[in-house]
Protein backbone atom coordinates (compact mmCIF):
# COMPACT_ATOMS: atom_id res chain seq x y z
CA MET A 1 -22.55 37.53 76.33
CA ALA A 2 -19.18 36.60 74.82
CA GLY A 3 -20.78 36.26 71.38
CA GLN A 4 -22.31 39.70 71.69
CA LEU A 5 -18.94 41.14 72.59
CA ARG A 6 -17.45 39.47 69.47
CA ILE A 7 -20.20 40.95 67.33
CA LEU A 8 -19.66 44.42 68.87
CA LEU A 9 -15.89 44.17 68.37
CA ALA A 10 -16.36 43.04 64.78
CA PHE A 11 -18.81 45.84 64.15
CA LEU A 12 -16.34 48.40 65.47
CA LEU A 13 -13.56 46.97 63.31
CA ILE A 14 -15.33 46.24 59.98
CA GLY A 15 -18.40 48.44 60.23
CA ALA A 16 -21.04 45.67 59.83
CA VAL A 17 -21.34 42.01 60.78
CA CYS A 18 -23.78 39.20 59.95
CA ALA A 19 -24.71 36.04 61.83
CA ASP A 20 -24.54 32.71 59.96
CA SER A 21 -26.59 29.54 60.80
CA THR A 22 -24.34 28.92 63.81
CA GLN A 23 -24.91 32.46 65.05
CA ILE A 24 -21.21 33.19 64.71
CA PRO A 25 -20.62 36.78 63.53
CA THR A 26 -18.94 36.94 60.15
CA PRO A 27 -18.10 39.73 57.68
CA CYS A 28 -20.93 40.76 55.34
CA ASP A 29 -20.93 41.15 51.58
CA ALA A 30 -22.60 44.02 49.74
CA ASN A 31 -26.04 42.48 50.37
CA PHE A 32 -25.36 41.94 54.06
CA ASN A 33 -25.04 38.20 53.65
CA PRO A 34 -22.35 36.19 55.48
CA SER A 35 -19.15 36.24 53.41
CA GLY A 36 -16.94 33.77 55.30
CA SER A 37 -15.41 33.04 58.65
CA TYR A 38 -13.28 35.52 60.56
CA SER A 39 -11.60 36.07 63.87
CA ALA A 40 -11.48 39.11 66.14
CA CYS A 41 -8.28 39.69 68.09
CA ALA A 42 -8.22 42.34 70.81
CA ARG A 43 -5.55 44.99 71.19
CA ARG A 44 -2.46 44.06 73.15
CA ASN A 45 0.57 46.00 74.22
CA VAL A 46 4.09 45.31 73.00
CA TYR A 47 7.44 46.90 73.78
CA ASN A 48 7.14 50.66 73.02
CA GLY A 49 3.84 50.25 71.14
CA TYR A 50 0.77 48.08 70.70
CA ILE A 51 -1.01 45.66 68.30
CA PRO A 52 -4.43 47.16 67.45
CA ASN A 53 -7.82 45.43 67.50
CA THR A 54 -7.81 43.28 64.38
CA ILE A 55 -10.23 41.27 62.23
CA GLY A 56 -8.40 38.16 61.04
CA PRO A 57 -6.93 36.03 60.01
CA ARG A 58 -4.19 38.44 59.03
CA LYS A 59 -0.71 39.67 59.96
CA VAL A 60 -0.37 42.96 61.77
CA ALA A 61 2.63 45.14 62.50
CA PRO A 62 2.74 47.05 65.77
CA ILE A 63 1.83 50.70 66.04
CA CYS A 64 4.80 52.36 67.71
CA ASN A 65 5.14 55.19 70.16
CA ALA A 66 6.57 58.50 68.94
CA GLY A 67 10.25 58.16 68.07
CA PHE A 68 10.07 54.37 67.57
CA LEU A 69 9.75 52.14 64.49
CA PRO A 70 8.43 48.56 63.96
CA TYR A 71 11.22 45.99 63.90
CA PRO A 72 11.24 44.43 60.39
CA GLY A 73 9.75 40.89 60.24
CA LYS A 74 8.38 41.02 63.76
CA GLU A 75 4.65 40.83 62.93
CA ASP A 76 1.79 39.21 64.84
CA THR A 77 -1.00 37.09 63.31
CA CYS A 78 -4.63 37.24 64.33
CA ALA A 79 -5.57 33.51 64.19
CA GLY A 80 -8.97 31.89 63.60
CA ASP A 81 -9.56 31.24 67.27
CA ASP A 82 -9.38 34.94 68.13
CA SER A 83 -5.87 34.59 69.53
CA TRP A 84 -2.56 36.07 68.50
CA ARG A 85 0.10 33.86 66.93
CA THR A 86 3.57 35.33 67.27
CA ALA A 87 6.45 34.14 65.08
CA GLY A 88 8.78 36.43 66.95
CA GLU A 89 7.68 38.85 69.60
CA PRO A 90 6.75 42.05 67.73
CA TYR A 91 8.14 45.19 69.20
CA CYS A 92 9.26 48.72 68.36
CA TYR A 93 12.81 49.97 68.47
CA GLN A 94 14.37 53.39 68.67
CA PRO A 95 16.53 54.07 65.60
CA LYS A 96 20.02 55.34 66.15
CA PRO A 97 20.44 59.03 65.37
CA VAL A 98 22.08 59.84 62.08
CA VAL A 99 25.53 61.19 62.87
CA GLN A 100 26.56 63.93 60.50
CA PRO A 101 30.20 63.81 59.47
CA CYS A 102 32.37 66.47 61.05
CA THR A 103 33.26 69.36 58.83
CA THR A 104 36.82 70.59 58.72
CA PHE A 105 37.36 73.75 60.73
CA SER A 106 40.16 75.99 61.90
CA ILE A 107 40.87 78.15 64.94
CA CYS A 108 42.59 81.50 64.49
CA ALA A 109 44.01 83.04 67.67
CA LYS A 110 43.37 86.65 68.65
CA ARG A 111 45.43 89.01 66.49
CA VAL A 112 46.31 92.51 67.68
CA VAL A 113 46.42 95.24 65.02
CA TRP A 114 46.91 98.99 65.13
CA ASP A 115 44.45 100.43 67.70
CA GLY A 116 42.38 97.22 67.87
CA TYR A 117 42.32 93.46 67.39
CA PHE A 118 40.64 90.60 65.56
CA PRO A 119 39.05 88.18 68.08
CA ARG A 120 39.65 84.45 68.31
CA THR A 121 37.63 83.00 65.44
CA ILE A 122 36.40 79.56 64.38
CA GLY A 123 36.96 79.28 60.65
CA PRO A 124 37.00 79.28 57.84
CA ALA A 125 35.09 82.52 58.40
CA SER A 126 35.30 86.28 58.07
CA ALA A 127 35.92 88.57 61.04
CA THR A 128 35.67 92.29 61.66
CA VAL A 129 38.09 94.24 63.78
CA ARG A 130 37.26 95.34 67.30
CA CYS A 131 38.70 98.78 67.94
CA ASN A 132 40.03 100.37 71.10
CA HIS A 133 38.01 103.07 72.83
CA GLY A 134 38.03 106.27 70.79
CA PHE A 135 38.48 104.49 67.47
CA GLN A 136 36.08 103.27 64.80
CA ALA A 137 36.36 100.22 62.55
CA ASP A 138 36.89 100.74 58.83
CA PRO A 139 34.10 98.75 57.10
CA ASN A 140 36.32 98.21 54.06
CA TYR A 141 38.70 95.97 56.01
CA VAL A 142 37.50 92.40 56.69
CA ALA A 143 39.92 89.66 57.79
CA ARG A 144 39.60 85.95 56.98
CA CYS A 145 40.33 83.05 59.31
CA ARG A 146 41.77 80.50 56.89
CA LEU A 147 41.59 76.71 57.01
CA ASP A 148 45.25 76.43 58.03
CA ASN A 149 44.59 78.41 61.26
CA SER A 150 46.23 81.55 59.86
CA TRP A 151 44.78 85.01 59.36
CA GLY A 152 44.36 86.71 56.02
CA ILE A 153 44.38 90.36 57.07
CA PRO A 154 44.47 93.14 54.46
CA SER A 155 47.16 95.74 54.90
CA GLY A 156 46.26 99.20 56.03
CA ARG A 157 44.76 100.88 59.07
CA HIS A 158 41.75 98.95 60.35
CA CYS A 159 40.73 101.35 63.14
CA HIS A 160 40.48 105.12 62.70
CA ARG A 161 40.59 107.73 65.42
CA ILE A 162 37.35 109.49 66.31
CA CYS A 163 37.76 113.25 66.73
CA ASN A 164 34.76 114.29 68.78
CA ARG A 165 33.02 117.61 68.34
CA THR A 166 35.11 120.45 69.73
CA SER A 167 34.15 124.07 70.29
CA VAL A 168 35.86 127.17 68.95
CA THR A 169 34.91 130.82 69.27
CA ASN A 170 31.42 131.33 67.80
CA GLY A 171 31.20 127.76 66.48
CA TYR A 172 32.58 124.25 66.55
CA PHE A 173 34.26 121.54 64.52
CA PRO A 174 31.93 118.54 64.10
CA LYS A 175 32.69 114.92 64.98
CA THR A 176 35.13 113.64 62.36
CA ILE A 177 36.76 110.29 61.59
CA ALA A 178 40.49 110.43 60.82
CA PRO A 179 42.20 111.03 58.51
CA ALA A 180 40.11 113.99 57.36
CA ILE A 181 39.88 117.74 57.33
CA ALA A 182 36.95 119.69 58.69
CA ARG A 183 35.55 123.18 58.32
CA ALA A 184 34.11 125.03 61.28
CA VAL A 185 30.36 125.11 61.77
CA CYS A 186 29.55 128.65 62.88
CA HIS A 187 26.66 130.11 64.82
CA PRO A 188 23.72 131.32 62.67
CA GLY A 189 24.56 134.44 60.69
CA LEU A 190 28.32 134.01 60.95
CA PHE A 191 30.73 133.07 58.17
CA SER A 192 32.84 129.91 58.31
CA ASP A 193 36.23 130.70 56.83
CA PRO A 194 37.40 127.97 54.42
CA ASN A 195 41.03 128.48 55.40
CA PRO A 196 42.65 127.26 57.44
CA LYS A 197 40.77 124.01 58.02
CA ALA A 198 41.27 121.73 61.01
CA MET A 199 42.77 118.26 60.62
CA CYS A 200 41.59 115.11 62.41
CA ALA A 201 44.84 113.13 62.52
CA GLU A 202 45.25 109.43 63.30
CA ASP A 203 48.10 109.95 65.73
CA LYS A 204 47.18 113.26 67.38
CA GLY A 205 43.47 113.80 67.09
CA TRP A 206 42.46 117.39 66.34
CA VAL A 207 45.07 119.71 64.85
CA ILE A 208 43.35 123.09 64.78
CA PRO A 209 45.19 126.13 63.42
CA GLN A 210 44.95 129.44 65.18
CA GLY A 211 41.61 131.22 64.66
CA PRO A 212 39.43 132.97 64.21
CA HIS A 213 37.39 130.43 62.27
CA CYS A 214 34.02 132.17 62.41
CA TYR A 215 33.56 135.77 61.27
CA PHE A 216 30.80 138.30 61.45
CA GLN A 217 29.66 139.26 57.97
CA GLY A 218 31.21 142.72 58.26
CA ASP A 219 34.61 141.10 58.63
CA VAL A 220 34.37 139.03 55.44
CA CYS A 221 35.62 139.76 51.92
CA GLN A 222 33.01 138.29 49.62
CA ALA A 223 33.96 136.10 46.65
CA ALA A 224 35.50 138.07 43.77
CA ASP A 225 36.80 137.61 40.19
CA HIS A 226 40.09 139.19 39.17
CA GLU A 227 42.08 138.79 35.93
CA GLY A 228 40.25 135.58 34.92
CA ALA A 229 40.55 133.97 38.34
CA HIS A 230 37.92 133.39 41.02
CA TYR A 231 38.71 133.99 44.69
CA ALA A 232 36.45 132.49 47.37
CA ALA A 233 35.22 134.54 50.31
CA VAL A 234 37.53 134.66 53.33
CA GLY A 235 37.66 136.48 56.64
CA ASP A 236 39.66 139.53 57.61
CA GLY A 237 43.41 138.87 57.58
CA ARG A 238 43.16 135.66 55.54
CA THR A 239 44.78 134.98 52.17
CA THR A 240 43.71 132.70 49.35
CA SER A 241 44.75 131.64 45.85
CA GLY A 242 42.33 131.70 42.96
CA THR A 243 41.02 129.19 40.43
CA CYS A 244 40.53 129.89 36.73
CA ASN A 245 37.08 130.86 35.50
CA PRO A 246 35.46 129.16 32.48
CA GLY A 247 37.17 130.33 29.26
CA TYR A 248 40.52 130.69 31.02
CA PHE A 249 43.27 128.17 31.57
CA PRO A 250 46.11 128.04 34.12
CA ILE A 251 49.47 129.41 33.12
CA VAL A 252 52.24 126.78 32.84
CA ASN A 253 54.10 126.21 36.11
CA ILE A 254 51.35 128.01 37.91
CA GLN A 255 52.78 126.92 41.26
CA ASP A 256 55.70 129.26 40.60
CA TYR A 257 53.46 132.24 39.83
CA LEU A 258 50.68 132.12 42.36
CA LYS A 259 48.70 135.30 42.62
CA ILE A 260 47.82 135.78 46.24
CA ALA A 261 44.67 137.61 47.33
CA ARG A 262 44.49 139.06 50.83
CA CYS A 263 41.39 140.19 52.67
CA THR A 264 42.01 143.33 54.74
CA LYS A 265 39.01 145.02 56.28
CA PRO A 266 37.74 147.63 55.86
CA THR A 267 39.81 148.05 52.66
CA GLY A 268 38.84 144.72 51.06
CA TRP A 269 40.80 142.61 48.56
CA SER A 270 44.39 143.25 47.64
CA PHE A 271 46.23 141.17 45.00
CA SER A 272 49.93 140.46 44.63
CA GLY A 273 51.90 138.42 42.11
CA VAL A 274 51.37 137.90 38.40
CA PRO A 275 48.12 136.76 36.72
CA ILE A 276 47.60 132.99 37.09
CA CYS A 277 45.00 132.50 34.35
CA ARG A 278 45.05 133.25 30.64
CA ILE A 279 42.11 133.50 28.30
CA TYR A 280 41.85 131.01 25.43
CA ALA A 281 43.20 132.65 22.27
């Protein structure tokens, strides 16, 4: 029975076995003739692994569990009498983790700026401003937490006031980010007068001049050309200054000789002052 078990073990390990004159199983050559003596050593467990079933004589390193490696030089030998010969108990060890060197870093404390702040930041790294309620960050301003724990913050205003949509008679001024001017958006069919415009200011919010800002079409003087200058449409009671048409050029020191156009309904345009544009000679 033991011999049959040896033959079965050898068959499982080397694929084919032969029996010599002593009926001892032995490895076969290409013609299935006995090719020499051998030993068959059964699997055995070692620390954190095992030595597999082995046809000997030969040295065998342990097969280790996941996360473990064979200890160098600690091999087992499958001897001729089917037993293991151990020069030093083979076993598997867990390698020490590779410790990455620490990189140099910095810590920049929270920095308050106009209408917002830059948060505490681990650097070196970039940081964007966090704005107070009612303000919006300017995407063009990015601060840098430097390696010496100091901030590199560009000058200027990092947070801009948000002027929310506000209603006026027959229209509204849209949401606007300061500093900027805005023209009224009027109800369908009405005219939005270009002057005066409202201002979204950083310190005050909306600065809206006295209206009206939206006119019915019957209360509007349509755009007109006069003495080489072009005057945009405005509402009743408004004034405007012109711009020179193609082929004309502004008179020198034009700011001292502005020609003012006034819209008075139902009369229409009236002009005062001297001509502001001169035709090319």
